[in-house]
Amino acid sequence: MHKEPGKGLITPLWLGLCLLLASCTAPERPKPEFSLRDQAPLAGLPDSAPGWPAANWWQHFHDPQLDKLMATAMAGAPTLDVAMARYRQASSDIARKEADKNIEITGYGTAGYSLSDIDADAGNSHINNTTQGVAAIVGARLSWDLDLWGKKEAALKQAIDTAHAQKASQAAALSALQYNLSALYFQWQAIAARLKVSQGSLATANEYLRVVKARVDAGVEEEDSLDKARAQLAQIRQQQAMLAGQQRIIHAQIAALMGISSQQLGALEVKPLPTPAGALPADAGLGLIGRRPDIVAARWQVEAASQGIEQARAAYYPNISLSGLAGFLKSFPDLGSGDDAQLTLGTVGPSISLPIFEAGRLDAAFAASNAQLNSAIANYNQTVVQAAAQVARQVLTLGQLTDAAGELQKRWLASRSQYQRASLRVKQGVDDPRQALGASLELDSQTDSQLQLTAQRLDAQLQLIHELGGGYQEPAPTATDNAQPAALEDSP
């Protein structure tokens, strides 16, 4: 048989042409150029802290009760369970994407019974034939996506980056838990201290009422003075009731944060409030990038989005895979009237699929991946700016409250001197006892104001610790080698 020259080259030529056309539609593959902030805008703020918060920063307060509460909360808080579940979900996605890159072998088998009953007239003859048999087929299929263009590799890297982001988000949830628990704890302690002062004020107000009542009964004082003394006593009792109610609410909030009941939490021991402190680390502008878990999570999201572009770009290229099939067919005449037969077959070779006409789906997917990357970058930069604003607010708030505490201390010292002089005059019998009692109530009022301001300063200190990352330290992924301020490509 005569074979025309070159005819056998037609199929390979068509295949090569299809590959060329498909590859020509793919966008270029430059590395994405990230326009990312490399430091937080914190210049100009006062800084004096020698270092950053430690991972166990709450132990700096030397309060064993707080340490115990924190350990219990970190072991079983519901908010941490949610964050852990999300991280495990992201980790399982890594295993799934990694498995997609490996060879897949699927076994199969089937068995069947066949029956053929023919009863027909064919011209002058009559056919009556019945056959039956049992046959079985076993085999295996093999498939392996060669991933020549890195689509599945990019999907795996994206899953890894997403898991890193979820891990950082888990750290953010832990930091929030630590801050909220310590803030509620010191709020409870501040109210306990205020209640103690209020008990002293209540005793003083009762004595004041007794003195006024004696003077009214003696006819040397008007009834109006008695009403004022009673109103003063009622006001102190009202404040006590409000403080006690707030303390019960905070106790329930602490229990809920720990995932237990108020009964399980039990009574808390009253401890003195620590002296507030806190300042901005000298390298806060640079260090905040790697200390805030939300910033690190946003950075990993940028990395994951950049891998999404690689996946979208790889979709333009042909999908080449290796596939194979092996099987064995066997019939069993002993179980019927059929023939004895067996068949063994096998095949292996490459397969290819080409995106010849897809109505713009690939372009749309590529544009969407670029938009997602731009969104991730904008979110990262916004997170950095917001973090800097939060840190700046707490630093300035601490300074403001510290200045206010200095002035309040002067008022307290003046009230104490006034009380001491009034008490001395009463002892000497040259002054009305109500003067000393009134000065004592004023001193208690100034003490209560000091406790409230101390609680505010403590909360500002705790918030600053939280805004500085709460002891978190995890290096964020470094930008690509050609990372520089530049606009991302909007279309392939």
Protein backbone atom coordinates (compact mmCIF):
# COMPACT_ATOMS: atom_id res chain seq x y z
CA MET A 1 0.00 0.00 0.00
CA HIS A 2 1.37 3.40 -1.01
CA LYS A 3 1.49 6.06 1.74
CA GLU A 4 1.47 9.72 0.75
CA PRO A 5 4.53 11.61 1.98
CA GLY A 6 3.90 13.85 5.01
CA LYS A 7 0.44 12.53 5.67
CA GLY A 8 1.50 11.12 9.03
CA LEU A 9 2.62 14.57 10.14
CA ILE A 10 -0.84 16.15 9.91
CA THR A 11 -1.98 15.09 13.38
CA PRO A 12 1.19 16.24 15.19
CA LEU A 13 1.10 19.52 13.28
CA TRP A 14 -2.48 20.18 14.30
CA LEU A 15 -1.62 19.30 17.88
CA GLY A 16 1.34 21.68 17.89
CA LEU A 17 -0.76 24.42 16.33
CA CYS A 18 -3.42 24.04 19.03
CA LEU A 19 -0.76 24.22 21.72
CA LEU A 20 0.69 27.35 20.14
CA LEU A 21 -2.69 29.06 19.85
CA ALA A 22 -3.60 28.16 23.43
CA SER A 23 -0.31 29.38 24.84
CA CYS A 24 -0.49 32.64 22.90
CA THR A 25 -3.65 33.61 24.77
CA ALA A 26 -2.01 33.29 28.19
CA PRO A 27 -0.95 36.52 29.92
CA GLU A 28 2.65 37.24 30.72
CA ARG A 29 4.05 35.92 33.97
CA PRO A 30 5.79 38.79 35.77
CA LYS A 31 5.95 38.57 39.53
CA PRO A 32 3.18 40.63 41.14
CA GLU A 33 4.57 43.94 42.38
CA PHE A 34 3.21 44.64 45.85
CA SER A 35 2.60 48.18 47.03
CA LEU A 36 2.74 47.42 50.75
CA ARG A 37 3.49 49.58 53.76
CA ASP A 38 6.75 48.51 55.37
CA GLN A 39 6.16 50.34 58.66
CA ALA A 40 3.37 51.82 60.74
CA PRO A 41 2.99 55.63 60.79
CA LEU A 42 3.89 56.27 64.44
CA ALA A 43 6.55 58.96 64.09
CA GLY A 44 6.29 61.83 66.55
CA LEU A 45 4.73 59.87 69.41
CA PRO A 46 6.53 59.73 72.78
CA ASP A 47 8.35 56.43 73.27
CA SER A 48 10.22 55.22 76.33
CA ALA A 49 9.52 51.50 76.70
CA PRO A 50 12.66 49.33 76.68
CA GLY A 51 10.92 46.48 74.89
CA TRP A 52 7.72 44.90 73.66
CA PRO A 53 5.10 43.07 75.73
CA ALA A 54 6.10 39.53 76.61
CA ALA A 55 4.01 36.55 75.56
CA ASN A 56 2.87 36.13 79.18
CA TRP A 57 2.60 39.88 79.84
CA TRP A 58 -0.15 39.52 82.48
CA GLN A 59 2.32 37.81 84.82
CA HIS A 60 4.02 41.20 85.14
CA PHE A 61 1.24 42.14 87.58
CA HIS A 62 2.35 39.34 89.97
CA ASP A 63 -1.24 38.25 90.67
CA PRO A 64 -1.55 34.45 91.04
CA GLN A 65 -5.34 34.70 90.87
CA LEU A 66 -5.16 36.42 87.47
CA ASP A 67 -2.60 33.86 86.28
CA LYS A 68 -4.96 31.03 87.22
CA LEU A 69 -7.94 32.65 85.50
CA MET A 70 -5.87 33.24 82.37
CA ALA A 71 -4.67 29.63 82.25
CA THR A 72 -8.23 28.33 82.59
CA ALA A 73 -9.53 30.69 79.90
CA MET A 74 -6.81 29.82 77.39
CA ALA A 75 -7.50 26.13 77.92
CA GLY A 76 -11.16 26.21 76.98
CA ALA A 77 -12.54 29.60 75.93
CA PRO A 78 -15.28 29.29 73.25
CA THR A 79 -13.75 32.08 71.14
CA LEU A 80 -10.51 30.10 70.86
CA ASP A 81 -12.41 26.97 69.84
CA VAL A 82 -13.90 28.83 66.87
CA ALA A 83 -10.49 30.16 65.79
CA MET A 84 -8.93 26.70 66.17
CA ALA A 85 -11.69 25.12 64.07
CA ARG A 86 -11.03 27.60 61.25
CA TYR A 87 -7.31 26.89 61.38
CA ARG A 88 -7.88 23.13 61.27
CA GLN A 89 -10.18 23.59 58.30
CA ALA A 90 -7.47 25.55 56.48
CA SER A 91 -4.88 22.90 57.40
CA SER A 92 -7.06 20.11 56.02
CA ASP A 93 -7.34 22.05 52.77
CA ILE A 94 -3.54 21.87 52.49
CA ALA A 95 -3.67 18.08 52.67
CA ARG A 96 -6.40 18.00 50.02
CA LYS A 97 -4.48 20.27 47.63
CA GLU A 98 -1.30 18.27 48.19
CA ALA A 99 -3.15 15.04 47.41
CA ASP A 100 -4.41 16.54 44.14
CA LYS A 101 -0.81 16.65 42.88
CA ASN A 102 -0.19 12.93 43.34
CA ILE A 103 -0.99 9.92 41.21
CA GLU A 104 -4.51 8.57 41.64
CA ILE A 105 -5.20 4.87 41.13
CA THR A 106 -8.77 3.64 41.27
CA GLY A 107 -9.67 -0.02 41.34
CA TYR A 108 -12.98 -1.39 40.11
CA GLY A 109 -14.67 -4.71 39.64
CA THR A 110 -17.98 -6.07 38.44
CA ALA A 111 -19.64 -9.44 37.95
CA GLY A 112 -22.83 -10.31 36.10
CA TYR A 113 -25.08 -13.09 35.01
CA SER A 114 -26.28 -13.19 31.38
CA LEU A 115 -29.21 -15.11 29.87
CA SER A 116 -30.08 -15.38 26.17
CA ASP A 117 -33.22 -17.26 25.03
CA ILE A 118 -33.86 -17.29 21.25
CA ASP A 119 -37.05 -18.83 19.80
CA ALA A 120 -37.54 -17.77 16.17
CA ASP A 121 -38.45 -19.04 12.70
CA ALA A 122 -35.92 -18.29 9.99
CA GLY A 123 -37.34 -19.39 6.66
CA ASN A 124 -37.66 -23.16 6.67
CA SER A 125 -35.77 -23.55 9.92
CA HIS A 126 -36.68 -22.99 13.51
CA ILE A 127 -34.14 -21.63 15.99
CA ASN A 128 -34.52 -22.41 19.63
CA ASN A 129 -31.39 -21.68 21.64
CA THR A 130 -30.84 -20.77 25.26
CA THR A 131 -27.46 -19.72 26.62
CA GLN A 132 -26.41 -18.40 29.97
CA GLY A 133 -23.18 -17.50 31.64
CA VAL A 134 -21.36 -15.66 34.40
CA ALA A 135 -18.58 -13.15 33.70
CA ALA A 136 -16.43 -10.90 35.88
CA ILE A 137 -14.28 -7.88 35.14
CA VAL A 138 -11.57 -6.43 37.40
CA GLY A 139 -9.29 -3.55 36.60
CA ALA A 140 -7.60 -0.36 37.67
CA ARG A 141 -7.48 3.19 36.38
CA LEU A 142 -4.50 5.50 36.74
CA SER A 143 -4.49 9.26 36.36
CA TRP A 144 -1.80 11.83 37.07
CA ASP A 145 -2.00 15.51 36.28
CA LEU A 146 1.55 16.49 35.35
CA ASP A 147 0.88 20.13 36.37
CA LEU A 148 3.39 21.45 33.86
CA TRP A 149 2.22 25.04 34.31
CA GLY A 150 2.11 25.03 38.12
CA LYS A 151 -1.65 25.43 38.58
CA LYS A 152 -1.91 22.84 41.33
CA GLU A 153 1.35 23.98 42.88
CA ALA A 154 -0.08 27.49 43.12
CA ALA A 155 -3.27 26.09 44.65
CA LEU A 156 -1.19 24.27 47.26
CA LYS A 157 0.81 27.41 48.07
CA GLN A 158 -2.41 29.39 48.34
CA ALA A 159 -3.80 26.85 50.80
CA ILE A 160 -0.60 27.06 52.85
CA ASP A 161 -0.73 30.87 52.89
CA THR A 162 -4.40 30.76 53.88
CA ALA A 163 -3.55 28.42 56.75
CA HIS A 164 -0.83 30.84 57.89
CA ALA A 165 -3.42 33.63 57.84
CA GLN A 166 -5.82 31.54 59.93
CA LYS A 167 -3.00 30.76 62.35
CA ALA A 168 -2.36 34.48 62.79
CA SER A 169 -6.10 35.06 63.20
CA GLN A 170 -6.07 32.42 65.92
CA ALA A 171 -3.32 34.40 67.66
CA ALA A 172 -5.44 37.54 67.32
CA ALA A 173 -8.35 35.76 69.02
CA LEU A 174 -6.01 34.68 71.82
CA SER A 175 -4.71 38.23 72.27
CA ALA A 176 -8.27 39.58 72.43
CA LEU A 177 -9.17 36.96 75.03
CA GLN A 178 -6.17 37.86 77.19
CA TYR A 179 -6.96 41.57 77.02
CA ASN A 180 -10.69 41.19 77.70
CA LEU A 181 -10.14 38.86 80.65
CA SER A 182 -7.49 41.05 82.29
CA ALA A 183 -9.56 44.20 81.68
CA LEU A 184 -12.66 42.67 83.26
CA TYR A 185 -10.59 41.33 86.16
CA PHE A 186 -9.14 44.72 87.04
CA GLN A 187 -12.53 46.38 86.59
CA TRP A 188 -13.85 43.93 89.19
CA GLN A 189 -10.95 44.72 91.53
CA ALA A 190 -11.46 48.47 91.06
CA ILE A 191 -15.13 48.16 92.00
CA ALA A 192 -14.17 46.07 95.03
CA ALA A 193 -11.80 48.83 96.15
CA ARG A 194 -14.48 51.48 95.58
CA LEU A 195 -16.98 49.43 97.61
CA LYS A 196 -14.52 49.33 100.49
CA VAL A 197 -14.20 53.12 100.40
CA SER A 198 -17.98 53.37 100.16
CA GLN A 199 -18.37 51.30 103.32
CA GLY A 200 -16.25 53.85 105.19
CA SER A 201 -18.28 56.68 103.68
CA LEU A 202 -21.48 54.96 104.78
CA ALA A 203 -20.25 54.79 108.39
CA THR A 204 -19.21 58.45 108.26
CA ALA A 205 -22.57 59.48 106.77
CA ASN A 206 -24.42 57.58 109.50
CA GLU A 207 -22.38 59.39 112.15
CA TYR A 208 -23.02 62.68 110.38
CA LEU A 209 -26.77 61.96 110.44
CA ARG A 210 -26.61 61.10 114.16
CA VAL A 211 -24.88 64.40 114.98
CA VAL A 212 -27.35 66.42 112.91
CA LYS A 213 -30.33 64.60 114.45
CA ALA A 214 -28.98 65.31 117.96
CA ARG A 215 -28.63 69.00 117.09
CA VAL A 216 -32.13 69.12 115.62
CA ASP A 217 -33.54 67.39 118.70
CA ALA A 218 -31.69 69.94 120.85
CA GLY A 219 -33.29 72.73 118.85
CA VAL A 220 -30.00 74.18 117.58
CA GLU A 221 -30.40 72.98 113.99
CA GLU A 222 -33.12 73.30 111.36
CA GLU A 223 -35.00 70.29 109.95
CA ASP A 224 -33.54 71.04 106.53
CA SER A 225 -30.12 69.93 107.76
CA LEU A 226 -31.59 66.57 108.73
CA ASP A 227 -33.09 66.10 105.26
CA LYS A 228 -29.74 66.89 103.63
CA ALA A 229 -27.98 64.39 105.88
CA ARG A 230 -30.52 61.70 105.02
CA ALA A 231 -30.21 62.46 101.29
CA GLN A 232 -26.43 62.21 101.59
CA LEU A 233 -26.75 58.80 103.24
CA ALA A 234 -29.22 57.59 100.61
CA GLN A 235 -26.89 58.69 97.82
CA ILE A 236 -24.05 56.64 99.27
CA ARG A 237 -26.31 53.59 99.58
CA GLN A 238 -27.46 54.06 95.98
CA GLN A 239 -23.86 54.16 94.82
CA GLN A 240 -23.13 50.98 96.78
CA ALA A 241 -26.07 49.20 95.15
CA MET A 242 -24.92 50.25 91.68
CA LEU A 243 -21.34 49.19 92.33
CA ALA A 244 -22.40 45.83 93.75
CA GLY A 245 -24.61 45.24 90.70
CA GLN A 246 -21.78 46.13 88.32
CA GLN A 247 -19.48 43.78 90.18
CA ARG A 248 -21.94 40.89 89.76
CA ILE A 249 -22.28 41.64 86.05
CA ILE A 250 -18.51 41.69 85.56
CA HIS A 251 -18.21 38.43 87.50
CA ALA A 252 -20.70 36.83 85.09
CA GLN A 253 -18.81 38.27 82.09
CA ILE A 254 -15.55 36.78 83.32
CA ALA A 255 -17.21 33.39 83.70
CA ALA A 256 -18.76 33.59 80.22
CA LEU A 257 -15.42 34.56 78.70
CA MET A 258 -13.87 31.48 80.28
CA GLY A 259 -16.72 29.24 79.11
CA ILE A 260 -17.92 28.36 82.62
CA SER A 261 -20.77 29.41 84.91
CA SER A 262 -20.56 32.04 87.64
CA GLN A 263 -20.97 29.27 90.19
CA GLN A 264 -18.02 27.38 88.73
CA LEU A 265 -15.95 30.56 88.78
CA GLY A 266 -16.69 31.08 92.46
CA ALA A 267 -15.84 34.10 94.57
CA LEU A 268 -12.86 36.22 93.59
CA GLU A 269 -10.34 37.39 96.14
CA VAL A 270 -10.00 41.15 96.47
CA LYS A 271 -6.51 42.35 95.56
CA PRO A 272 -5.02 45.87 95.52
CA LEU A 273 -4.85 47.55 92.14
CA PRO A 274 -1.37 47.59 90.58
CA THR A 275 0.32 50.84 89.65
CA PRO A 276 -0.47 51.63 85.99
CA ALA A 277 2.42 51.91 83.55
CA GLY A 278 3.02 51.53 79.85
CA ALA A 279 4.78 53.29 77.00
CA LEU A 280 5.51 52.97 73.31
CA PRO A 281 8.56 50.90 72.26
CA ALA A 282 11.22 52.90 70.44
CA ASP A 283 11.01 50.71 67.31
CA ALA A 284 7.21 50.62 67.20
CA GLY A 285 6.99 51.91 63.63
CA LEU A 286 8.91 48.95 62.22
CA GLY A 287 8.19 46.34 64.86
CA LEU A 288 4.42 46.67 64.78
CA ILE A 289 4.31 45.01 61.33
CA GLY A 290 5.43 41.70 62.80
CA ARG A 291 3.86 42.10 66.26
CA ARG A 292 0.21 42.55 65.37
CA PRO A 293 -1.43 39.22 64.45
CA ASP A 294 -4.09 40.96 62.37
CA ILE A 295 -1.37 42.62 60.26
CA VAL A 296 0.43 39.30 59.82
CA ALA A 297 -2.86 37.62 58.84
CA ALA A 298 -3.54 40.35 56.28
CA ARG A 299 -0.02 39.89 54.87
CA TRP A 300 -0.56 36.16 54.43
CA GLN A 301 -3.85 36.93 52.68
CA VAL A 302 -1.88 39.00 50.18
CA GLU A 303 0.40 36.02 49.57
CA ALA A 304 -2.60 33.73 49.11
CA ALA A 305 -4.20 36.15 46.65
CA SER A 306 -0.97 36.34 44.63
CA GLN A 307 -1.05 32.55 44.26
CA GLY A 308 -4.61 32.91 42.99
CA ILE A 309 -3.22 34.91 40.06
CA GLU A 310 -0.82 32.07 39.28
CA GLN A 311 -3.73 29.63 39.21
CA ALA A 312 -5.77 31.88 36.93
CA ARG A 313 -2.80 32.32 34.58
CA ALA A 314 -2.08 28.59 34.44
CA ALA A 315 -5.68 27.94 33.36
CA TYR A 316 -4.81 29.41 29.93
CA TYR A 317 -2.40 26.58 29.20
CA PRO A 318 -3.25 23.03 28.07
CA ASN A 319 -3.93 20.53 30.78
CA ILE A 320 -1.65 17.54 30.22
CA SER A 321 -2.07 14.41 32.27
CA LEU A 322 -0.95 10.81 32.21
CA SER A 323 -3.68 8.19 32.28
CA GLY A 324 -3.72 4.43 32.20
CA LEU A 325 -6.18 1.56 32.24
CA ALA A 326 -5.70 -2.13 33.00
CA GLY A 327 -8.41 -4.76 33.04
CA PHE A 328 -9.11 -8.48 33.03
CA LEU A 329 -12.31 -10.14 31.76
CA LYS A 330 -13.17 -13.73 32.62
CA SER A 331 -16.24 -15.81 31.83
CA PHE A 332 -17.09 -18.99 33.73
CA PRO A 333 -18.69 -21.72 31.58
CA ASP A 334 -18.99 -24.06 34.54
CA LEU A 335 -21.67 -21.73 35.90
CA GLY A 336 -23.64 -21.67 32.65
CA SER A 337 -23.69 -22.81 29.05
CA GLY A 338 -21.47 -20.03 27.69
CA ASP A 339 -17.98 -20.30 26.31
CA ASP A 340 -14.78 -20.17 28.27
CA ALA A 341 -13.20 -16.78 27.56
CA GLN A 342 -10.75 -14.39 29.13
CA LEU A 343 -9.37 -11.05 28.07
CA THR A 344 -6.49 -8.97 29.41
CA LEU A 345 -5.98 -5.39 28.29
CA GLY A 346 -3.96 -2.36 29.28
CA THR A 347 -3.24 1.09 27.99
CA VAL A 348 -1.23 4.08 29.16
CA GLY A 349 -0.47 7.44 27.63
CA PRO A 350 -0.81 11.19 27.85
CA SER A 351 -4.04 13.10 27.47
CA ILE A 352 -4.48 16.78 26.75
CA SER A 353 -7.31 19.28 27.01
CA LEU A 354 -7.15 22.73 25.43
CA PRO A 355 -9.09 25.90 26.28
CA ILE A 356 -9.94 26.70 22.64
CA PHE A 357 -13.18 28.66 23.10
CA GLU A 358 -14.36 29.61 26.59
CA ALA A 359 -16.36 32.81 25.95
CA GLY A 360 -14.06 35.00 28.07
CA ARG A 361 -14.25 32.89 31.22
CA LEU A 362 -10.47 32.71 31.60
CA ASP A 363 -10.06 36.46 31.14
CA ALA A 364 -12.79 37.09 33.70
CA ALA A 365 -11.18 34.70 36.17
CA PHE A 366 -7.79 36.35 35.68
CA ALA A 367 -9.26 39.82 36.19
CA ALA A 368 -11.06 38.60 39.31
CA SER A 369 -7.83 37.20 40.75
CA ASN A 370 -6.09 40.54 40.11
CA ALA A 371 -8.96 42.36 41.80
CA GLN A 372 -8.73 40.00 44.76
CA LEU A 373 -5.02 40.69 45.10
CA ASN A 374 -5.58 44.44 44.92
CA SER A 375 -8.28 44.09 47.57
CA ALA A 376 -5.94 42.07 49.82
CA ILE A 377 -3.20 44.70 49.43
CA ALA A 378 -5.63 47.53 50.23
CA ASN A 379 -6.87 45.60 53.26
CA TYR A 380 -3.28 45.06 54.45
CA ASN A 381 -2.37 48.74 54.13
CA GLN A 382 -5.60 49.75 55.84
CA THR A 383 -4.92 47.29 58.67
CA VAL A 384 -1.46 48.80 59.21
CA VAL A 385 -2.84 52.36 59.30
CA GLN A 386 -5.68 51.40 61.63
CA ALA A 387 -3.27 49.57 63.94
CA ALA A 388 -1.06 52.65 64.09
CA ALA A 389 -4.08 54.84 64.87
CA GLN A 390 -5.15 52.50 67.68
CA VAL A 391 -1.65 52.47 69.17
CA ALA A 392 -1.37 56.25 68.91
CA ARG A 393 -4.73 56.72 70.60
CA GLN A 394 -3.75 54.56 73.55
CA VAL A 395 -0.33 56.19 73.93
CA LEU A 396 -1.89 59.65 73.99
CA THR A 397 -4.69 58.47 76.28
CA LEU A 398 -2.15 57.09 78.73
CA GLY A 399 -0.30 60.39 78.74
CA GLN A 400 -3.51 62.31 79.27
CA LEU A 401 -4.62 60.09 82.14
CA THR A 402 -1.17 60.23 83.74
CA ASP A 403 -1.28 64.03 83.73
CA ALA A 404 -4.80 63.96 85.18
CA ALA A 405 -3.65 61.55 87.89
CA GLY A 406 -0.96 64.01 88.95
CA GLU A 407 -3.50 66.81 89.36
CA LEU A 408 -5.95 64.53 91.15
CA GLN A 409 -3.22 63.51 93.57
CA LYS A 410 -2.78 67.18 94.47
CA ARG A 411 -6.51 67.48 95.18
CA TRP A 412 -6.41 64.32 97.30
CA LEU A 413 -3.47 65.64 99.34
CA ALA A 414 -5.31 68.92 99.89
CA SER A 415 -8.44 67.05 101.03
CA ARG A 416 -6.37 64.93 103.40
CA SER A 417 -4.75 68.01 104.94
CA GLN A 418 -8.15 69.61 105.35
CA TYR A 419 -9.49 66.48 107.06
CA GLN A 420 -6.47 66.25 109.37
CA ARG A 421 -6.82 69.88 110.45
CA ALA A 422 -10.58 69.53 110.99
CA SER A 423 -10.09 66.36 113.05
CA LEU A 424 -7.49 68.12 115.19
CA ARG A 425 -9.83 71.05 115.86
CA VAL A 426 -12.63 68.67 116.84
CA LYS A 427 -10.31 66.88 119.28
CA GLN A 428 -9.38 70.21 120.75
CA GLY A 429 -13.08 71.00 121.13
CA VAL A 430 -12.93 74.17 119.06
CA ASP A 431 -14.92 73.00 116.04
CA ASP A 432 -18.17 71.31 115.08
CA PRO A 433 -17.78 67.51 114.57
CA ARG A 434 -19.62 67.89 111.28
CA GLN A 435 -16.61 69.73 109.85
CA ALA A 436 -14.36 66.70 110.33
CA LEU A 437 -17.09 64.32 109.14
CA GLY A 438 -17.70 66.42 106.03
CA ALA A 439 -13.95 66.58 105.33
CA SER A 440 -13.78 62.80 105.73
CA LEU A 441 -16.57 62.34 103.17
CA GLU A 442 -14.78 64.69 100.77
CA LEU A 443 -11.55 62.73 101.21
CA ASP A 444 -13.44 59.50 100.47
CA SER A 445 -14.86 61.12 97.35
CA GLN A 446 -11.37 62.06 96.16
CA THR A 447 -10.16 58.53 96.95
CA ASP A 448 -13.02 57.11 94.87
CA SER A 449 -12.06 59.41 92.00
CA GLN A 450 -8.47 58.21 92.28
CA LEU A 451 -9.61 54.59 92.07
CA GLN A 452 -11.71 55.32 89.00
CA LEU A 453 -8.81 57.09 87.32
CA THR A 454 -6.43 54.27 88.24
CA ALA A 455 -8.87 51.80 86.66
CA GLN A 456 -8.97 53.93 83.50
CA ARG A 457 -5.18 54.07 83.37
CA LEU A 458 -4.96 50.31 83.85
CA ASP A 459 -7.46 49.74 81.06
CA ALA A 460 -5.50 52.09 78.78
CA GLN A 461 -2.31 50.18 79.63
CA LEU A 462 -4.00 46.87 78.84
CA GLN A 463 -5.38 48.25 75.59
CA LEU A 464 -1.92 49.47 74.59
CA ILE A 465 -0.50 46.01 75.29
CA HIS A 466 -3.26 44.55 73.14
CA GLU A 467 -2.75 47.09 70.33
CA LEU A 468 0.98 46.33 70.36
CA GLY A 469 0.18 42.68 69.63
CA GLY A 470 -0.19 41.28 73.13
CA GLY A 471 3.18 39.55 73.09
CA TYR A 472 2.65 38.03 69.64
CA GLN A 473 5.71 37.75 67.44
CA GLU A 474 5.57 35.90 64.17
CA PRO A 475 7.58 36.98 61.11
CA ALA A 476 5.33 37.93 58.24
CA PRO A 477 6.21 36.64 54.76
CA THR A 478 8.69 38.81 52.95
CA ALA A 479 7.56 40.55 49.80
CA THR A 480 8.69 39.30 46.42
CA ASP A 481 12.13 40.30 45.23
CA ASN A 482 10.76 42.96 42.90
CA ALA A 483 8.28 44.33 45.43
CA GLN A 484 8.04 48.07 45.01
CA PRO A 485 5.32 50.74 44.94
CA ALA A 486 3.64 49.99 41.63
CA ALA A 487 0.17 49.46 40.22
CA LEU A 488 -0.90 45.89 39.60
CA GLU A 489 -1.92 44.86 36.12
CA ASP A 490 -5.68 45.04 35.71
CA SER A 491 -5.95 42.78 32.71
CA PRO A 492 -3.92 40.05 31.03
